[in-house]
Each structure stands twice: as structure tokens, then as C-alpha cells.
Amino acid sequence: MCRNIRTLHNFEPPATDDEVHAAALQFVRKVSGTTKPSQANQAAFDRAVHEIAHITRHLLDDLVTTAPPKDREVEAEKARARARLRYG
């Protein structure tokens, strides 16, 4: 999985459309093996990003959990602490 794709489910506030689009873009980049498609492939690339973002939004809207929502700042600080331990 791409390192830049982050968990989007069960956060308060919920994931924004920009976050969903960014995750879809990273997924399509990984699957296609390119960060910038050729002009011949641009339409297919953009369509894939749009469709995956759309489906991701539906998934996030339909998922159910009994766990309390996570706080974005708390989770970000945990990630920074893990990075400090890992990279020094």
C-alpha cells in the first residue's frame, strides 16, 4: 500500500472530499506506476481517480463502528512520535 494513503474512517471531523481525492490519486498513481500520465492516458487516469474517490466516499459513508471517533491531532502526534523513534 502507498505510504501516503492514510486511514480515513472513524475520524472527527469526518474525512473531507479533498482527503478522499488525495487517497484516490495516490492509489491510481501506485497502480498505474506513474505520477504523471502521458497525454494519451490522462483521461483514463483522471476518470479512475474520480471513480475511486466516489466509491471511497460511499464506503466511508456506509461503514459502521461502535468505537469512538479518533482525534486527528492525537493521531498525528502518535505518528510523529513513531517517526522520531524510527528515524532518530
PDB file of N, CA and C in Angstrom:
ATOM      1  N   MET A   1       0.853  -1.181   0.000  1.00  0.00           N
ATOM      2  CA  MET A   1       0.000   0.000   0.000  1.00  0.00           C
ATOM      3  C   MET A   1       0.894   1.238   0.000  1.00  0.00           C
ATOM      4  N   CYS A   2       0.394   2.291  -0.585  1.00  0.00           N
ATOM      5  CA  CYS A   2       1.141   3.549  -0.626  1.00  0.00           C
ATOM      6  C   CYS A   2       1.302   4.101   0.780  1.00  0.00           C
ATOM      7  N   ARG A   3       2.460   4.627   1.059  1.00  0.00           N
ATOM      8  CA  ARG A   3       2.692   5.226   2.375  1.00  0.00           C
ATOM      9  C   ARG A   3       1.840   6.472   2.570  1.00  0.00           C
ATOM     10  N   ASN A   4       1.463   7.138   1.491  1.00  0.00           N
ATOM     11  CA  ASN A   4       0.730   8.398   1.601  1.00  0.00           C
ATOM     12  C   ASN A   4      -0.773   8.215   1.741  1.00  0.00           C
ATOM     13  N   ILE A   5      -1.250   6.997   1.607  1.00  0.00           N
ATOM     14  CA  ILE A   5      -2.677   6.761   1.797  1.00  0.00           C
ATOM     15  C   ILE A   5      -2.909   6.556   3.285  1.00  0.00           C
ATOM     16  N   ARG A   6      -3.706   7.408   3.858  1.00  0.00           N
ATOM     17  CA  ARG A   6      -3.969   7.377   5.298  1.00  0.00           C
ATOM     18  C   ARG A   6      -5.353   6.807   5.567  1.00  0.00           C
ATOM     19  N   THR A   7      -5.520   6.272   6.770  1.00  0.00           N
ATOM     20  CA  THR A   7      -6.841   5.818   7.190  1.00  0.00           C
ATOM     21  C   THR A   7      -7.774   7.019   7.243  1.00  0.00           C
ATOM     22  N   LEU A   8      -8.944   6.874   6.667  1.00  0.00           N
ATOM     23  CA  LEU A   8      -9.904   7.971   6.609  1.00  0.00           C
ATOM     24  C   LEU A   8     -11.153   7.702   7.447  1.00  0.00           C
ATOM     25  N   HIS A   9     -11.328   6.471   7.876  1.00  0.00           N
ATOM     26  CA  HIS A   9     -12.545   6.083   8.588  1.00  0.00           C
ATOM     27  C   HIS A   9     -12.460   6.390  10.080  1.00  0.00           C
ATOM     28  N   ASN A  10     -13.568   6.801  10.634  1.00  0.00           N
ATOM     29  CA  ASN A  10     -13.778   6.994  12.067  1.00  0.00           C
ATOM     30  C   ASN A  10     -12.921   8.122  12.649  1.00  0.00           C
ATOM     31  N   PHE A  11     -12.927   9.248  11.960  1.00  0.00           N
ATOM     32  CA  PHE A  11     -12.267  10.440  12.486  1.00  0.00           C
ATOM     33  C   PHE A  11     -13.304  11.522  12.722  1.00  0.00           C
ATOM     34  N   GLU A  12     -13.014  12.378  13.665  1.00  0.00           N
ATOM     35  CA  GLU A  12     -13.863  13.540  13.919  1.00  0.00           C
ATOM     36  C   GLU A  12     -13.001  14.773  13.743  1.00  0.00           C
ATOM     37  N   PRO A  13     -13.295  15.651  12.835  1.00  0.00           N
ATOM     38  CA  PRO A  13     -14.393  15.614  11.869  1.00  0.00           C
ATOM     39  C   PRO A  13     -14.130  14.570  10.783  1.00  0.00           C
ATOM     40  N   PRO A  14     -15.191  14.158  10.081  1.00  0.00           N
ATOM     41  CA  PRO A  14     -15.041  13.130   9.040  1.00  0.00           C
ATOM     42  C   PRO A  14     -14.090  13.577   7.931  1.00  0.00           C
ATOM     43  N   ALA A  15     -13.603  12.611   7.181  1.00  0.00           N
ATOM     44  CA  ALA A  15     -12.698  12.889   6.063  1.00  0.00           C
ATOM     45  C   ALA A  15     -13.357  13.845   5.070  1.00  0.00           C
ATOM     46  N   THR A  16     -12.569  14.788   4.598  1.00  0.00           N
ATOM     47  CA  THR A  16     -13.080  15.749   3.617  1.00  0.00           C
ATOM     48  C   THR A  16     -12.998  15.148   2.222  1.00  0.00           C
ATOM     49  N   ASP A  17     -13.676  15.780   1.279  1.00  0.00           N
ATOM     50  CA  ASP A  17     -13.598  15.331  -0.113  1.00  0.00           C
ATOM     51  C   ASP A  17     -12.177  15.465  -0.642  1.00  0.00           C
ATOM     52  N   ASP A  18     -11.441  16.475  -0.181  1.00  0.00           N
ATOM     53  CA  ASP A  18     -10.044  16.635  -0.599  1.00  0.00           C
ATOM     54  C   ASP A  18      -9.185  15.465  -0.122  1.00  0.00           C
ATOM     55  N   GLU A  19      -9.409  15.009   1.105  1.00  0.00           N
ATOM     56  CA  GLU A  19      -8.656  13.867   1.622  1.00  0.00           C
ATOM     57  C   GLU A  19      -8.996  12.590   0.857  1.00  0.00           C
ATOM     58  N   VAL A  20     -10.263  12.409   0.537  1.00  0.00           N
ATOM     59  CA  VAL A  20     -10.693  11.238  -0.228  1.00  0.00           C
ATOM     60  C   VAL A  20     -10.069  11.289  -1.620  1.00  0.00           C
ATOM     61  N   HIS A  21     -10.077  12.455  -2.253  1.00  0.00           N
ATOM     62  CA  HIS A  21      -9.491  12.601  -3.588  1.00  0.00           C
ATOM     63  C   HIS A  21      -7.989  12.328  -3.547  1.00  0.00           C
ATOM     64  N   ALA A  22      -7.300  12.835  -2.536  1.00  0.00           N
ATOM     65  CA  ALA A  22      -5.855  12.614  -2.416  1.00  0.00           C
ATOM     66  C   ALA A  22      -5.537  11.132  -2.269  1.00  0.00           C
ATOM     67  N   ALA A  23      -6.332  10.415  -1.489  1.00  0.00           N
ATOM     68  CA  ALA A  23      -6.119   8.975  -1.330  1.00  0.00           C
ATOM     69  C   ALA A  23      -6.366   8.249  -2.654  1.00  0.00           C
ATOM     70  N   ALA A  24      -7.409   8.647  -3.375  1.00  0.00           N
ATOM     71  CA  ALA A  24      -7.701   8.026  -4.672  1.00  0.00           C
ATOM     72  C   ALA A  24      -6.570   8.301  -5.663  1.00  0.00           C
ATOM     73  N   LEU A  25      -6.066   9.513  -5.663  1.00  0.00           N
ATOM     74  CA  LEU A  25      -4.961   9.873  -6.549  1.00  0.00           C
ATOM     75  C   LEU A  25      -3.725   9.022  -6.245  1.00  0.00           C
ATOM     76  N   GLN A  26      -3.387   8.857  -4.982  1.00  0.00           N
ATOM     77  CA  GLN A  26      -2.233   8.035  -4.602  1.00  0.00           C
ATOM     78  C   GLN A  26      -2.428   6.589  -5.029  1.00  0.00           C
ATOM     79  N   PHE A  27      -3.647   6.078  -4.877  1.00  0.00           N
ATOM     80  CA  PHE A  27      -3.937   4.700  -5.279  1.00  0.00           C
ATOM     81  C   PHE A  27      -3.745   4.523  -6.780  1.00  0.00           C
ATOM     82  N   VAL A  28      -4.293   5.433  -7.565  1.00  0.00           N
ATOM     83  CA  VAL A  28      -4.178   5.338  -9.024  1.00  0.00           C
ATOM     84  C   VAL A  28      -2.716   5.495  -9.451  1.00  0.00           C
ATOM     85  N   ARG A  29      -1.989   6.378  -8.810  1.00  0.00           N
ATOM     86  CA  ARG A  29      -0.558   6.521  -9.116  1.00  0.00           C
ATOM     87  C   ARG A  29       0.183   5.223  -8.858  1.00  0.00           C
ATOM     88  N   LYS A  30      -0.118   4.574  -7.738  1.00  0.00           N
ATOM     89  CA  LYS A  30       0.556   3.330  -7.387  1.00  0.00           C
ATOM     90  C   LYS A  30       0.213   2.230  -8.385  1.00  0.00           C
ATOM     91  N   VAL A  31      -1.056   2.073  -8.690  1.00  0.00           N
ATOM     92  CA  VAL A  31      -1.498   1.015  -9.589  1.00  0.00           C
ATOM     93  C   VAL A  31      -0.970   1.237 -11.007  1.00  0.00           C
ATOM     94  N   SER A  32      -0.982   2.493 -11.458  1.00  0.00           N
ATOM     95  CA  SER A  32      -0.548   2.783 -12.825  1.00  0.00           C
ATOM     96  C   SER A  32       0.970   2.841 -12.949  1.00  0.00           C
ATOM     97  N   GLY A  33       1.659   3.048 -11.840  1.00  0.00           N
ATOM     98  CA  GLY A  33       3.112   3.127 -11.865  1.00  0.00           C
ATOM     99  C   GLY A  33       3.645   4.461 -12.343  1.00  0.00           C
ATOM    100  N   THR A  34       2.803   5.479 -12.328  1.00  0.00           N
ATOM    101  CA  THR A  34       3.233   6.800 -12.790  1.00  0.00           C
ATOM    102  C   THR A  34       2.592   7.892 -11.942  1.00  0.00           C
ATOM    103  N   THR A  35       3.327   8.962 -11.737  1.00  0.00           N
ATOM    104  CA  THR A  35       2.751  10.093 -11.012  1.00  0.00           C
ATOM    105  C   THR A  35       2.131  11.103 -11.964  1.00  0.00           C
ATOM    106  N   LYS A  36       2.584  11.092 -13.211  1.00  0.00           N
ATOM    107  CA  LYS A  36       2.048  11.999 -14.232  1.00  0.00           C
ATOM    108  C   LYS A  36       1.845  11.197 -15.506  1.00  0.00           C
ATOM    109  N   PRO A  37       0.599  10.886 -15.843  1.00  0.00           N
ATOM    110  CA  PRO A  37       0.351  10.083 -17.041  1.00  0.00           C
ATOM    111  C   PRO A  37       0.629  10.867 -18.324  1.00  0.00           C
ATOM    112  N   SER A  38       0.851  10.140 -19.399  1.00  0.00           N
ATOM    113  CA  SER A  38       1.015  10.774 -20.705  1.00  0.00           C
ATOM    114  C   SER A  38      -0.310  11.392 -21.125  1.00  0.00           C
ATOM    115  N   GLN A  39      -0.255  12.256 -22.126  1.00  0.00           N
ATOM    116  CA  GLN A  39      -1.487  12.874 -22.622  1.00  0.00           C
ATOM    117  C   GLN A  39      -2.461  11.819 -23.121  1.00  0.00           C
ATOM    118  N   ALA A  40      -1.949  10.744 -23.702  1.00  0.00           N
ATOM    119  CA  ALA A  40      -2.812   9.671 -24.209  1.00  0.00           C
ATOM    120  C   ALA A  40      -3.565   8.973 -23.082  1.00  0.00           C
ATOM    121  N   ASN A  41      -2.987   8.958 -21.877  1.00  0.00           N
ATOM    122  CA  ASN A  41      -3.603   8.259 -20.747  1.00  0.00           C
ATOM    123  C   ASN A  41      -4.248   9.190 -19.727  1.00  0.00           C
ATOM    124  N   GLN A  42      -4.153  10.489 -19.924  1.00  0.00           N
ATOM    125  CA  GLN A  42      -4.647  11.451 -18.935  1.00  0.00           C
ATOM    126  C   GLN A  42      -6.133  11.274 -18.638  1.00  0.00           C
ATOM    127  N   ALA A  43      -6.949  11.093 -19.650  1.00  0.00           N
ATOM    128  CA  ALA A  43      -8.397  10.964 -19.440  1.00  0.00           C
ATOM    129  C   ALA A  43      -8.723   9.712 -18.624  1.00  0.00           C
ATOM    130  N   ALA A  44      -8.080   8.603 -18.947  1.00  0.00           N
ATOM    131  CA  ALA A  44      -8.318   7.364 -18.207  1.00  0.00           C
ATOM    132  C   ALA A  44      -7.856   7.511 -16.763  1.00  0.00           C
ATOM    133  N   PHE A  45      -6.709   8.145 -16.571  1.00  0.00           N
ATOM    134  CA  PHE A  45      -6.151   8.380 -15.238  1.00  0.00           C
ATOM    135  C   PHE A  45      -7.120   9.231 -14.410  1.00  0.00           C
ATOM    136  N   ASP A  46      -7.564  10.345 -14.968  1.00  0.00           N
ATOM    137  CA  ASP A  46      -8.486  11.242 -14.259  1.00  0.00           C
ATOM    138  C   ASP A  46      -9.814  10.560 -13.953  1.00  0.00           C
ATOM    139  N   ARG A  47     -10.307   9.772 -14.902  1.00  0.00           N
ATOM    140  CA  ARG A  47     -11.566   9.062 -14.700  1.00  0.00           C
ATOM    141  C   ARG A  47     -11.421   8.046 -13.555  1.00  0.00           C
ATOM    142  N   ALA A  48     -10.295   7.343 -13.512  1.00  0.00           N
ATOM    143  CA  ALA A  48     -10.057   6.374 -12.443  1.00  0.00           C
ATOM    144  C   ALA A  48     -10.009   7.061 -11.085  1.00  0.00           C
ATOM    145  N   VAL A  49      -9.317   8.190 -10.998  1.00  0.00           N
ATOM    146  CA  VAL A  49      -9.248   8.934  -9.733  1.00  0.00           C
ATOM    147  C   VAL A  49     -10.649   9.348  -9.299  1.00  0.00           C
ATOM    148  N   HIS A  50     -11.425   9.873 -10.224  1.00  0.00           N
ATOM    149  CA  HIS A  50     -12.791  10.317  -9.912  1.00  0.00           C
ATOM    150  C   HIS A  50     -13.652   9.154  -9.420  1.00  0.00           C
ATOM    151  N   GLU A  51     -13.603   8.026 -10.124  1.00  0.00           N
ATOM    152  CA  GLU A  51     -14.438   6.885  -9.766  1.00  0.00           C
ATOM    153  C   GLU A  51     -14.012   6.281  -8.424  1.00  0.00           C
ATOM    154  N   ILE A  52     -12.721   6.181  -8.188  1.00  0.00           N
ATOM    155  CA  ILE A  52     -12.254   5.616  -6.925  1.00  0.00           C
ATOM    156  C   ILE A  52     -12.597   6.545  -5.771  1.00  0.00           C
ATOM    157  N   ALA A  53     -12.477   7.841  -5.961  1.00  0.00           N
ATOM    158  CA  ALA A  53     -12.870   8.794  -4.917  1.00  0.00           C
ATOM    159  C   ALA A  53     -14.358   8.665  -4.611  1.00  0.00           C
ATOM    160  N   HIS A  54     -15.165   8.519  -5.651  1.00  0.00           N
ATOM    161  CA  HIS A  54     -16.617   8.377  -5.492  1.00  0.00           C
ATOM    162  C   HIS A  54     -16.951   7.119  -4.680  1.00  0.00           C
ATOM    163  N   ILE A  55     -16.359   6.008  -5.040  1.00  0.00           N
ATOM    164  CA  ILE A  55     -16.604   4.737  -4.338  1.00  0.00           C
ATOM    165  C   ILE A  55     -16.071   4.808  -2.908  1.00  0.00           C
ATOM    166  N   THR A  56     -14.926   5.449  -2.716  1.00  0.00           N
ATOM    167  CA  THR A  56     -14.363   5.591  -1.377  1.00  0.00           C
ATOM    168  C   THR A  56     -15.295   6.392  -0.484  1.00  0.00           C
ATOM    169  N   ARG A  57     -15.861   7.466  -1.010  1.00  0.00           N
ATOM    170  CA  ARG A  57     -16.807   8.274  -0.238  1.00  0.00           C
ATOM    171  C   ARG A  57     -18.003   7.422   0.174  1.00  0.00           C
ATOM    172  N   HIS A  58     -18.534   6.609  -0.753  1.00  0.00           N
ATOM    173  CA  HIS A  58     -19.658   5.729  -0.418  1.00  0.00           C
ATOM    174  C   HIS A  58     -19.248   4.736   0.671  1.00  0.00           C
ATOM    175  N   LEU A  59     -18.063   4.170   0.554  1.00  0.00           N
ATOM    176  CA  LEU A  59     -17.586   3.231   1.565  1.00  0.00           C
ATOM    177  C   LEU A  59     -17.521   3.890   2.930  1.00  0.00           C
ATOM    178  N   LEU A  60     -16.907   5.060   3.003  1.00  0.00           N
ATOM    179  CA  LEU A  60     -16.778   5.757   4.279  1.00  0.00           C
ATOM    180  C   LEU A  60     -18.139   6.109   4.871  1.00  0.00           C
ATOM    181  N   ASP A  61     -19.068   6.486   4.014  1.00  0.00           N
ATOM    182  CA  ASP A  61     -20.413   6.834   4.484  1.00  0.00           C
ATOM    183  C   ASP A  61     -21.174   5.614   4.996  1.00  0.00           C
ATOM    184  N   ASP A  62     -20.876   4.428   4.439  1.00  0.00           N
ATOM    185  CA  ASP A  62     -21.619   3.222   4.790  1.00  0.00           C
ATOM    186  C   ASP A  62     -21.007   2.426   5.942  1.00  0.00           C
ATOM    187  N   LEU A  63     -19.738   2.645   6.254  1.00  0.00           N
ATOM    188  CA  LEU A  63     -19.100   1.887   7.323  1.00  0.00           C
ATOM    189  C   LEU A  63     -19.709   2.246   8.675  1.00  0.00           C
ATOM    190  N   VAL A  64     -19.841   1.235   9.526  1.00  0.00           N
ATOM    191  CA  VAL A  64     -20.424   1.411  10.851  1.00  0.00           C
ATOM    192  C   VAL A  64     -19.400   0.949  11.883  1.00  0.00           C
ATOM    193  N   THR A  65     -19.299   1.673  12.977  1.00  0.00           N
ATOM    194  CA  THR A  65     -18.400   1.294  14.058  1.00  0.00           C
ATOM    195  C   THR A  65     -18.992   1.700  15.397  1.00  0.00           C
ATOM    196  N   THR A  66     -18.616   0.961  16.430  1.00  0.00           N
ATOM    197  CA  THR A  66     -19.040   1.337  17.779  1.00  0.00           C
ATOM    198  C   THR A  66     -17.909   2.033  18.529  1.00  0.00           C
ATOM    199  N   ALA A  67     -16.725   2.076  17.910  1.00  0.00           N
ATOM    200  CA  ALA A  67     -15.579   2.735  18.539  1.00  0.00           C
ATOM    201  C   ALA A  67     -15.771   4.248  18.491  1.00  0.00           C
ATOM    202  N   PRO A  68     -15.283   4.933  19.513  1.00  0.00           N
ATOM    203  CA  PRO A  68     -15.385   6.393  19.481  1.00  0.00           C
ATOM    204  C   PRO A  68     -14.496   6.954  18.369  1.00  0.00           C
ATOM    205  N   PRO A  69     -14.894   8.077  17.777  1.00  0.00           N
ATOM    206  CA  PRO A  69     -14.084   8.670  16.707  1.00  0.00           C
ATOM    207  C   PRO A  69     -12.702   9.072  17.213  1.00  0.00           C
ATOM    208  N   LYS A  70     -11.715   8.933  16.333  1.00  0.00           N
ATOM    209  CA  LYS A  70     -10.345   9.318  16.674  1.00  0.00           C
ATOM    210  C   LYS A  70     -10.162  10.808  16.419  1.00  0.00           C
ATOM    211  N   ASP A  71      -9.270  11.383  17.191  1.00  0.00           N
ATOM    212  CA  ASP A  71      -8.936  12.799  17.045  1.00  0.00           C
ATOM    213  C   ASP A  71      -7.741  12.917  16.098  1.00  0.00           C
ATOM    214  N   ARG A  72      -7.858  13.733  15.076  1.00  0.00           N
ATOM    215  CA  ARG A  72      -6.799  13.864  14.067  1.00  0.00           C
ATOM    216  C   ARG A  72      -5.478  14.345  14.669  1.00  0.00           C
ATOM    217  N   GLU A  73      -5.536  15.295  15.575  1.00  0.00           N
ATOM    218  CA  GLU A  73      -4.310  15.831  16.169  1.00  0.00           C
ATOM    219  C   GLU A  73      -3.608  14.794  17.038  1.00  0.00           C
ATOM    220  N   VAL A  74      -4.373  14.041  17.800  1.00  0.00           N
ATOM    221  CA  VAL A  74      -3.790  12.994  18.649  1.00  0.00           C
ATOM    222  C   VAL A  74      -3.122  11.937  17.776  1.00  0.00           C
ATOM    223  N   GLU A  75      -3.800  11.513  16.712  1.00  0.00           N
ATOM    224  CA  GLU A  75      -3.237  10.503  15.808  1.00  0.00           C
ATOM    225  C   GLU A  75      -2.004  11.036  15.090  1.00  0.00           C
ATOM    226  N   ALA A  76      -2.006  12.299  14.715  1.00  0.00           N
ATOM    227  CA  ALA A  76      -0.840  12.897  14.056  1.00  0.00           C
ATOM    228  C   ALA A  76       0.350  12.937  14.994  1.00  0.00           C
ATOM    229  N   GLU A  77       0.111  13.252  16.251  1.00  0.00           N
ATOM    230  CA  GLU A  77       1.204  13.276  17.228  1.00  0.00           C
ATOM    231  C   GLU A  77       1.767  11.880  17.458  1.00  0.00           C
ATOM    232  N   LYS A  78       0.898  10.880  17.498  1.00  0.00           N
ATOM    233  CA  LYS A  78       1.365   9.494  17.623  1.00  0.00           C
ATOM    234  C   LYS A  78       2.263   9.125  16.440  1.00  0.00           C
ATOM    235  N   ALA A  79       1.859   9.529  15.242  1.00  0.00           N
ATOM    236  CA  ALA A  79       2.655   9.234  14.043  1.00  0.00           C
ATOM    237  C   ALA A  79       4.005   9.944  14.098  1.00  0.00           C
ATOM    238  N   ARG A  80       4.014  11.189  14.561  1.00  0.00           N
ATOM    239  CA  ARG A  80       5.281  11.920  14.690  1.00  0.00           C
ATOM    240  C   ARG A  80       6.192  11.242  15.707  1.00  0.00           C
ATOM    241  N   ALA A  81       5.628  10.758  16.811  1.00  0.00           N
ATOM    242  CA  ALA A  81       6.427  10.072  17.825  1.00  0.00           C
ATOM    243  C   ALA A  81       7.018   8.776  17.262  1.00  0.00           C
ATOM    244  N   ARG A  82       6.216   8.031  16.493  1.00  0.00           N
ATOM    245  CA  ARG A  82       6.742   6.809  15.867  1.00  0.00           C
ATOM    246  C   ARG A  82       7.862   7.145  14.894  1.00  0.00           C
ATOM    247  N   ALA A  83       7.707   8.221  14.150  1.00  0.00           N
ATOM    248  CA  ALA A  83       8.736   8.632  13.180  1.00  0.00           C
ATOM    249  C   ALA A  83      10.028   9.030  13.895  1.00  0.00           C
ATOM    250  N   ARG A  84       9.903   9.729  15.019  1.00  0.00           N
ATOM    251  CA  ARG A  84      11.096  10.105  15.787  1.00  0.00           C
ATOM    252  C   ARG A  84      11.852   8.868  16.261  1.00  0.00           C
ATOM    253  N   LEU A  85      11.107   7.875  16.742  1.00  0.00           N
ATOM    254  CA  LEU A  85      11.756   6.634  17.181  1.00  0.00           C
ATOM    255  C   LEU A  85      12.402   5.888  16.017  1.00  0.00           C
ATOM    256  N   ARG A  86      11.719   5.887  14.909  1.00  0.00           N
ATOM    257  CA  ARG A  86      12.198   5.143  13.743  1.00  0.00           C
ATOM    258  C   ARG A  86      13.381   5.807  13.074  1.00  0.00           C
ATOM    259  N   TYR A  87      13.334   7.121  12.910  1.00  0.00           N
ATOM    260  CA  TYR A  87      14.351   7.828  12.143  1.00  0.00           C
ATOM    261  C   TYR A  87      15.339   8.619  12.997  1.00  0.00           C
ATOM    262  N   GLY A  88      15.083   8.641  14.299  1.00  0.00           N
ATOM    263  CA  GLY A  88      16.043   9.298  15.188  1.00  0.00           C
ATOM    264  C   GLY A  88      15.888  10.723  15.331  1.00  0.00           C
TER     265      GLY A  88
END
